[in-house]
Every structure is written in structure tokens, then in C-alpha cells.
């Protein structure tokens, strides 16, 4: 009792104590069972216009862009999810005996304490008494993260069976399949040639007749006269979509009509086409298992959030 009286006489802590009392009173009233119905009454989650403005400002600071209406909806939804997880973490007592939170509160209490030399346990207890953990951004972030990890632990703990991995591999074949690729030789002609069309036609006749050396004909090209098996996406990156689409339609073994790219004109002869294929499970087992666990984590977390959303009234103030 004597230490409490000394604490209340400390001017630097008066505002903290008053706020803590009001907060605790509000919490007790909000959680007090209704005599008529019996269930616990939970404080609604209210997203104020000030909250929305802060979310907009944070988004702009991070991205340098103004949020679109869709961005704003996602920001509010994320903020509500964090509040739900924070409240659930408190309800489960995850803030108790947490070393990171304890360290945070001891540091926070020490900064305003007027009793030098007080040990860590005493500082921690006083901080909890004064509810210094309430509305602390760092503590909130710790508890939200802790609640997410707790919800996801079961998904990480179980090893997905092979049947599940195979289904995932087949369902996401576009992600895991090795892409088709094409290998080819090319002769390049600069777009700045005065008689480009005539030169290209004459060179193609020489190549077809075997009187021109493809490795030496034409103009120098940075990527050289041959390309090993190259995936369509890489072709588009290197030469542009028009070139890639034209080359992918060519039959192997014959020199093409002039094919245009971002650099100029190419005469192309495809030497090999390898179709895309799905790798065996053993070749990508670890990556597929990680992907399955990620899906499970997202599912478990969303299931928890749906349960929590049903327990609270949500109000978003119009801005």
C-alpha cells in the first residue's frame, strides 16, 4: 500500500494512472454479462474516420501512391483482422509471461519511474498495474504476430502425405511444369540498312542454297548466331512478343521469312523444340510441401478470423 501511495504521488505518472483506471473500467463494463441474456458483451470494433485517414497516410508513406478504393478496403480489412487477433491474444493470456513483452514493459516503466534502482520484476508488475501494455503499438504487434503463429502451428507441424502433394502438383501444373523451349540459329540484319527487304530476301536464298555461312552472314548481333533451348517468356524478354510468337510457330529445319524484333530483322532456323512437362514429385517434393503448408496456414488463419468476426459487431465510419 505504501508503494502504491508513492506511485500515485508521482506527477509524471498521474495521467497514465487516470487513463489506466478509465480503460479498465470501460473493459469491465464491456465484458460484464448481461443479466437478461447471460452472454458476455464484447466491445464493438469501430474503425473511425481518423483511423482510415491514418491508414491512408501510412499507405502513401510506404508506397508513394494514393490508395485506390480497393486498396482502402483492403487496408481497413487488414486493420480489423489485426484488432481481432489482438483481442483474442489477450483473451487467451498470450501477453502473460512473454519475455519480449516483459522487456518492453520494463523499459517503458523504467523511463518514467521515479524510484531508481527498482528491479525488473517490480517494474514489470507496476507497468501491468498501470496497463502500460494497453494501446502500445509494439506490444500489439507482438501479440498479433504471436496469435498468427499459434493459429498456423498445426498446419506447419503435419507433413503433407504424398496423395495431397500429387493433387497440388497436378492442380498447379502451370506453376511447377518445366516450360517448353525452342533452340534456333539466326542471321541478323540491322533495321538501318537502306535495302533491308532486298538484302533479307537475297540472304535467305543463299542460306537455303547452302552458299552462305550462317555464323558469319549478316550483321553482328549481341546475343550471337545461336540460341540454346529458350523458354517463351525468355524469348519475349530478349526479343519482344512479335519475334517470340513468330519463332514459336516455325517448323524445325527451315530458314524463315524475315522475323522482326526490337533490334531489326532476323532469319531464323529452329533446330529443336522441347515440350513442357510436369516434373516427378520427388524432384520438387520440398517446394510443393512448402506450398501446401502455406495453403493450410492461410486456411487455418482465415477459419479463425471468420469465427472471431462472428463474435464482434463491426462499425466503419464513413469518411
Protein backbone atom coordinates (compact mmCIF):
# COMPACT_ATOMS: atom_id res chain seq x y z
CA UNK A 1 0.00 0.00 0.00
CA UNK A 2 2.84 2.37 0.81
CA UNK A 3 4.47 1.82 -2.59
CA UNK A 4 1.13 2.44 -4.29
CA UNK A 5 0.74 5.78 -2.47
CA UNK A 6 4.25 6.78 -3.58
CA UNK A 7 3.40 5.77 -7.11
CA UNK A 8 0.22 7.88 -7.18
CA UNK A 9 2.14 10.91 -5.87
CA UNK A 10 4.49 10.77 -8.88
CA UNK A 11 3.36 13.63 -11.19
CA UNK A 12 4.80 12.00 -14.29
CA UNK A 13 2.52 9.02 -13.79
CA UNK A 14 -0.75 10.76 -12.93
CA UNK A 15 -2.00 10.87 -16.49
CA UNK A 16 -1.02 7.23 -17.03
CA UNK A 17 -2.85 6.11 -13.91
CA UNK A 18 -6.02 8.03 -14.73
CA UNK A 19 -6.07 6.63 -18.26
CA UNK A 20 -5.49 3.11 -16.96
CA UNK A 21 -8.37 3.35 -14.50
CA UNK A 22 -10.74 4.60 -17.19
CA UNK A 23 -9.60 1.91 -19.60
CA UNK A 24 -10.01 -0.83 -17.00
CA UNK A 25 -13.45 0.45 -16.03
CA UNK A 26 -14.54 0.52 -19.66
CA UNK A 27 -13.21 -3.01 -20.17
CA UNK A 28 -15.07 -4.37 -17.12
CA UNK A 29 -18.31 -2.74 -18.22
CA UNK A 30 -17.92 -4.01 -21.76
CA UNK A 31 -17.27 -7.58 -20.61
CA UNK A 32 -19.85 -7.72 -17.82
CA UNK A 33 -22.50 -10.39 -18.54
CA UNK A 34 -25.94 -9.05 -19.31
CA UNK A 35 -28.44 -10.00 -16.57
CA UNK A 36 -31.14 -10.54 -19.18
CA UNK A 37 -29.33 -12.71 -21.70
CA UNK A 38 -26.30 -14.04 -19.89
CA UNK A 39 -23.63 -13.96 -22.67
CA UNK A 40 -20.55 -11.76 -22.47
CA UNK A 41 -20.96 -8.37 -24.11
CA UNK A 42 -17.96 -7.52 -26.26
CA UNK A 43 -16.92 -4.03 -27.23
CA UNK A 44 -17.63 -3.45 -30.92
CA UNK A 45 -14.74 -2.88 -33.26
CA UNK A 46 -15.01 0.68 -34.53
CA UNK A 47 -12.88 2.00 -37.41
CA UNK A 48 -13.10 5.78 -37.14
CA UNK A 49 -12.54 8.36 -39.82
CA UNK A 50 -9.26 9.17 -38.06
CA UNK A 51 -8.24 5.51 -38.31
CA UNK A 52 -8.99 5.47 -42.04
CA UNK A 53 -7.02 8.68 -42.54
CA UNK A 54 -4.06 7.18 -40.69
CA UNK A 55 -4.23 4.02 -42.82
CA UNK A 56 -4.25 6.16 -45.97
CA UNK A 57 -1.27 8.19 -44.76
CA UNK A 58 0.69 5.04 -43.82
CA UNK A 59 0.00 3.52 -47.24
CA UNK A 60 1.14 6.67 -49.05
CA UNK A 61 4.29 6.87 -46.94
CA UNK A 62 5.17 3.24 -47.73
CA UNK A 63 4.33 3.24 -51.44
CA UNK A 64 4.42 6.88 -52.52
CA UNK A 65 0.92 6.38 -54.01
CA UNK A 66 -2.57 7.39 -53.02
CA UNK A 67 -4.67 4.31 -52.14
CA UNK A 68 -7.44 3.37 -54.53
CA UNK A 69 -10.89 2.49 -53.13
CA UNK A 70 -9.92 -1.20 -53.40
CA UNK A 71 -6.65 -0.51 -51.57
CA UNK A 72 -8.55 1.33 -48.85
CA UNK A 73 -10.99 -1.56 -48.40
CA UNK A 74 -8.06 -3.97 -48.05
CA UNK A 75 -6.33 -1.67 -45.55
CA UNK A 76 -9.43 -1.48 -43.36
CA UNK A 77 -9.95 -5.25 -43.56
CA UNK A 78 -6.34 -5.87 -42.53
CA UNK A 79 -6.64 -3.44 -39.61
CA UNK A 80 -9.82 -5.19 -38.43
CA UNK A 81 -8.13 -8.60 -38.66
CA UNK A 82 -5.23 -7.33 -36.56
CA UNK A 83 -7.64 -6.00 -33.94
CA UNK A 84 -9.47 -9.34 -33.82
CA UNK A 85 -6.21 -11.24 -33.37
CA UNK A 86 -5.01 -8.77 -30.73
CA UNK A 87 -8.18 -9.17 -28.68
CA UNK A 88 -8.08 -12.94 -29.00
CA UNK A 89 -4.45 -12.99 -27.88
CA UNK A 90 -5.40 -11.01 -24.77
CA UNK A 91 -8.36 -13.30 -24.12
CA UNK A 92 -6.04 -16.31 -24.24
CA UNK A 93 -3.50 -14.66 -21.95
CA UNK A 94 -0.72 -14.69 -24.54
CA UNK A 95 0.60 -11.44 -23.08
CA UNK A 96 1.41 -13.17 -19.78
CA UNK A 97 4.96 -14.38 -19.16
CA UNK A 98 6.11 -13.33 -22.62
CA UNK A 99 9.76 -12.33 -22.39
CA UNK A 100 9.64 -9.83 -25.25
CA UNK A 101 6.58 -8.08 -23.84
CA UNK A 102 8.06 -8.16 -20.35
CA UNK A 103 11.24 -6.49 -21.61
CA UNK A 104 9.22 -3.85 -23.44
CA UNK A 105 7.15 -3.02 -20.34
CA UNK A 106 10.17 -2.94 -18.02
CA UNK A 107 11.91 -0.49 -20.35
CA UNK A 108 8.77 1.61 -20.65
CA UNK A 109 8.23 1.69 -16.87
CA UNK A 110 11.87 2.48 -16.16
CA UNK A 111 11.65 5.52 -18.43
CA UNK A 112 9.01 7.16 -16.22
CA UNK A 113 9.77 5.64 -12.83
CA UNK A 114 10.85 7.96 -10.03
CA UNK A 115 12.18 5.10 -7.89
CA UNK A 116 15.77 4.45 -9.06
CA UNK A 117 17.24 1.00 -8.60
CA UNK A 118 13.89 -0.80 -8.76
CA UNK A 119 14.34 -4.37 -10.04
CA UNK A 120 12.85 -5.69 -13.25
CA UNK A 121 10.07 -7.70 -11.60
CA UNK A 122 8.81 -4.69 -9.67
CA UNK A 123 8.91 -2.52 -12.79
CA UNK A 124 7.03 -5.17 -14.74
CA UNK A 125 4.33 -5.52 -12.10
CA UNK A 126 3.87 -1.75 -11.86
CA UNK A 127 3.65 -1.49 -15.65
CA UNK A 128 0.93 -4.15 -15.69
CA UNK A 129 -0.90 -2.43 -12.84
CA UNK A 130 -0.89 0.82 -14.80
CA UNK A 131 -1.88 -1.01 -18.03
CA UNK A 132 1.11 0.39 -19.92
CA UNK A 133 0.74 -2.51 -22.33
CA UNK A 134 -2.67 -1.24 -23.45
CA UNK A 135 -2.57 0.54 -26.81
CA UNK A 136 1.19 0.04 -27.04
CA UNK A 137 1.98 -0.37 -30.73
CA UNK A 138 4.96 -2.66 -30.17
CA UNK A 139 3.13 -4.94 -27.73
CA UNK A 140 0.14 -5.05 -30.07
CA UNK A 141 2.36 -6.07 -32.99
CA UNK A 142 3.98 -8.80 -30.89
CA UNK A 143 0.63 -10.24 -29.84
CA UNK A 144 -0.86 -10.17 -33.34
CA UNK A 145 2.21 -12.00 -34.67
CA UNK A 146 2.08 -14.49 -31.80
CA UNK A 147 -1.61 -15.18 -32.43
CA UNK A 148 -0.98 -15.72 -36.15
CA UNK A 149 1.82 -18.17 -35.45
CA UNK A 150 -0.24 -20.02 -32.86
CA UNK A 151 -3.09 -20.40 -35.35
CA UNK A 152 -0.69 -21.66 -38.03
CA UNK A 153 1.40 -24.07 -35.95
CA UNK A 154 -0.79 -27.08 -36.61
CA UNK A 155 -0.51 -26.59 -40.37
CA UNK A 156 3.29 -26.49 -40.12
CA UNK A 157 3.52 -29.46 -37.77
CA UNK A 158 1.93 -32.07 -40.01
CA UNK A 159 3.81 -33.46 -43.03
CA UNK A 160 1.51 -33.49 -46.07
CA UNK A 161 1.02 -37.04 -47.43
CA UNK A 162 2.09 -37.86 -50.97
CA UNK A 163 -1.51 -38.01 -52.20
CA UNK A 164 -2.04 -34.39 -51.14
CA UNK A 165 1.26 -33.34 -52.73
CA UNK A 166 0.39 -35.02 -56.03
CA UNK A 167 -3.02 -33.35 -56.14
CA UNK A 168 -1.43 -29.97 -55.51
CA UNK A 169 1.20 -30.60 -58.18
CA UNK A 170 -1.46 -31.50 -60.75
CA UNK A 171 -3.74 -28.61 -59.75
CA UNK A 172 -0.92 -26.08 -60.14
CA UNK A 173 0.79 -27.62 -63.15
CA UNK A 174 1.34 -24.19 -64.70
CA UNK A 175 3.49 -23.24 -61.71
CA UNK A 176 5.58 -26.39 -61.48
CA UNK A 177 5.84 -27.57 -65.09
CA UNK A 178 9.13 -27.11 -66.87
CA UNK A 179 8.31 -24.71 -69.74
CA UNK A 180 8.52 -25.64 -73.37
CA UNK A 181 11.60 -24.24 -75.09
CA UNK A 182 12.98 -23.70 -78.57
CA UNK A 183 16.58 -23.73 -79.86
CA UNK A 184 17.48 -21.90 -83.09
CA UNK A 185 20.09 -20.28 -85.29
CA UNK A 186 19.67 -16.73 -86.56
CA UNK A 187 21.13 -14.28 -89.01
CA UNK A 188 20.60 -10.67 -88.04
CA UNK A 189 20.17 -7.62 -90.29
CA UNK A 190 20.14 -4.09 -88.90
CA UNK A 191 16.94 -2.10 -89.39
CA UNK A 192 19.04 0.83 -90.65
CA UNK A 193 20.10 -0.99 -93.85
CA UNK A 194 18.97 1.03 -96.91
CA UNK A 195 17.65 -2.05 -98.77
CA UNK A 196 16.67 -4.20 -95.81
CA UNK A 197 13.89 -6.18 -97.52
CA UNK A 198 16.01 -6.93 -100.60
CA UNK A 199 19.05 -7.92 -98.51
CA UNK A 200 16.94 -10.22 -96.32
CA UNK A 201 15.37 -11.98 -99.33
CA UNK A 202 18.75 -12.47 -101.04
CA UNK A 203 20.37 -13.77 -97.87
CA UNK A 204 17.58 -16.24 -97.26
CA UNK A 205 18.07 -17.69 -100.78
CA UNK A 206 21.78 -18.11 -100.07
CA UNK A 207 21.08 -19.80 -96.74
CA UNK A 208 18.56 -22.17 -98.32
CA UNK A 209 21.04 -22.98 -101.08
CA UNK A 210 23.89 -23.55 -98.68
CA UNK A 211 26.06 -20.84 -100.19
CA UNK A 212 26.10 -18.63 -97.06
CA UNK A 213 27.71 -19.35 -93.70
CA UNK A 214 25.01 -18.59 -91.12
CA UNK A 215 27.62 -17.99 -88.42
CA UNK A 216 29.27 -15.22 -90.47
CA UNK A 217 26.44 -13.81 -92.59
CA UNK A 218 24.50 -10.68 -91.76
CA UNK A 219 25.37 -8.06 -89.17
CA UNK A 220 26.91 -8.63 -85.73
CA UNK A 221 24.32 -9.38 -83.04
CA UNK A 222 24.98 -9.11 -79.26
CA UNK A 223 23.43 -12.48 -78.43
CA UNK A 224 25.33 -14.37 -81.13
CA UNK A 225 24.15 -16.54 -84.02
CA UNK A 226 22.69 -19.42 -81.97
CA UNK A 227 20.31 -19.67 -79.02
CA UNK A 228 20.10 -22.77 -76.85
CA UNK A 229 16.73 -24.06 -75.72
CA UNK A 230 14.95 -20.90 -74.59
CA UNK A 231 11.55 -20.65 -72.90
CA UNK A 232 8.84 -18.44 -74.50
CA UNK A 233 8.89 -15.98 -71.62
CA UNK A 234 12.64 -15.51 -72.01
CA UNK A 235 12.26 -15.03 -75.76
CA UNK A 236 9.76 -12.24 -75.13
CA UNK A 237 12.09 -10.60 -72.65
CA UNK A 238 15.03 -10.69 -75.06
CA UNK A 239 13.40 -10.03 -78.44
CA UNK A 240 9.83 -8.87 -77.88
CA UNK A 241 6.47 -10.60 -78.27
CA UNK A 242 6.28 -10.35 -82.08
CA UNK A 243 9.57 -12.20 -82.52
CA UNK A 244 8.78 -14.83 -79.87
CA UNK A 245 5.33 -15.62 -81.28
CA UNK A 246 6.72 -15.94 -84.82
CA UNK A 247 9.59 -18.23 -83.80
CA UNK A 248 7.31 -20.50 -81.75
CA UNK A 249 5.21 -21.10 -84.89
CA UNK A 250 8.18 -22.13 -87.08
CA UNK A 251 8.70 -25.72 -88.19
CA UNK A 252 12.19 -27.04 -87.39
CA UNK A 253 14.83 -27.30 -90.10
CA UNK A 254 13.98 -24.45 -92.49
CA UNK A 255 15.07 -20.84 -92.69
CA UNK A 256 12.20 -18.48 -92.01
CA UNK A 257 10.91 -15.43 -93.74
CA UNK A 258 12.27 -12.23 -92.09
CA UNK A 259 11.18 -12.04 -88.45
CA UNK A 260 11.07 -8.60 -86.85
CA UNK A 261 12.33 -7.81 -83.34
CA UNK A 262 13.14 -4.74 -81.32
CA UNK A 263 16.63 -4.81 -82.89
CA UNK A 264 15.91 -5.30 -86.58
CA UNK A 265 15.21 -8.30 -88.82
CA UNK A 266 16.20 -11.95 -88.25
CA UNK A 267 16.28 -15.01 -90.45
CA UNK A 268 15.65 -17.92 -88.11
CA UNK A 269 16.05 -21.70 -88.36
CA UNK A 270 14.63 -23.72 -85.48
CA UNK A 271 16.78 -26.71 -84.59
CA UNK A 272 14.81 -28.21 -81.69
CA UNK A 273 11.55 -27.81 -79.80
CA UNK A 274 11.19 -29.39 -76.35
CA UNK A 275 7.65 -29.61 -74.94
CA UNK A 276 6.92 -28.54 -71.40
CA UNK A 277 6.44 -31.30 -68.85
CA UNK A 278 5.44 -31.76 -65.24
CA UNK A 279 8.41 -32.88 -63.15
CA UNK A 280 8.13 -36.02 -60.97
CA UNK A 281 7.06 -35.36 -57.39
CA UNK A 282 10.44 -36.37 -55.96
CA UNK A 283 12.13 -33.59 -57.95
CA UNK A 284 10.03 -30.84 -56.36
CA UNK A 285 8.79 -32.51 -53.17
CA UNK A 286 10.18 -29.93 -50.73
CA UNK A 287 8.85 -26.95 -52.70
CA UNK A 288 5.39 -28.50 -53.14
CA UNK A 289 5.23 -29.40 -49.44
CA UNK A 290 6.05 -25.79 -48.55
CA UNK A 291 3.29 -24.59 -50.86
CA UNK A 292 0.77 -26.99 -49.30
CA UNK A 293 1.70 -25.84 -45.80
CA UNK A 294 1.31 -22.21 -46.89
CA UNK A 295 -2.20 -23.02 -48.17
CA UNK A 296 -3.01 -24.75 -44.90
CA UNK A 297 -1.73 -21.82 -42.85
CA UNK A 298 -3.87 -19.40 -44.82
CA UNK A 299 -6.91 -21.68 -44.43
CA UNK A 300 -6.48 -22.14 -40.67
CA UNK A 301 -5.96 -18.42 -40.12
CA UNK A 302 -8.99 -17.46 -42.23
CA UNK A 303 -11.13 -20.00 -40.36
CA UNK A 304 -10.10 -18.43 -37.05
CA UNK A 305 -10.80 -14.92 -38.34
CA UNK A 306 -14.26 -15.93 -39.59
CA UNK A 307 -15.02 -17.29 -36.13
CA UNK A 308 -13.82 -14.09 -34.48
CA UNK A 309 -15.69 -11.79 -36.90
CA UNK A 310 -18.93 -13.52 -35.96
CA UNK A 311 -18.36 -12.60 -32.31
CA UNK A 312 -17.97 -8.85 -32.75
CA UNK A 313 -20.01 -6.01 -34.15
CA UNK A 314 -18.00 -4.01 -36.69
CA UNK A 315 -18.62 -0.35 -37.46
CA UNK A 316 -16.68 1.61 -40.09
CA UNK A 317 -17.34 5.34 -40.01
CA UNK A 318 -17.89 6.95 -43.41
CA UNK A 319 -15.18 9.44 -44.38
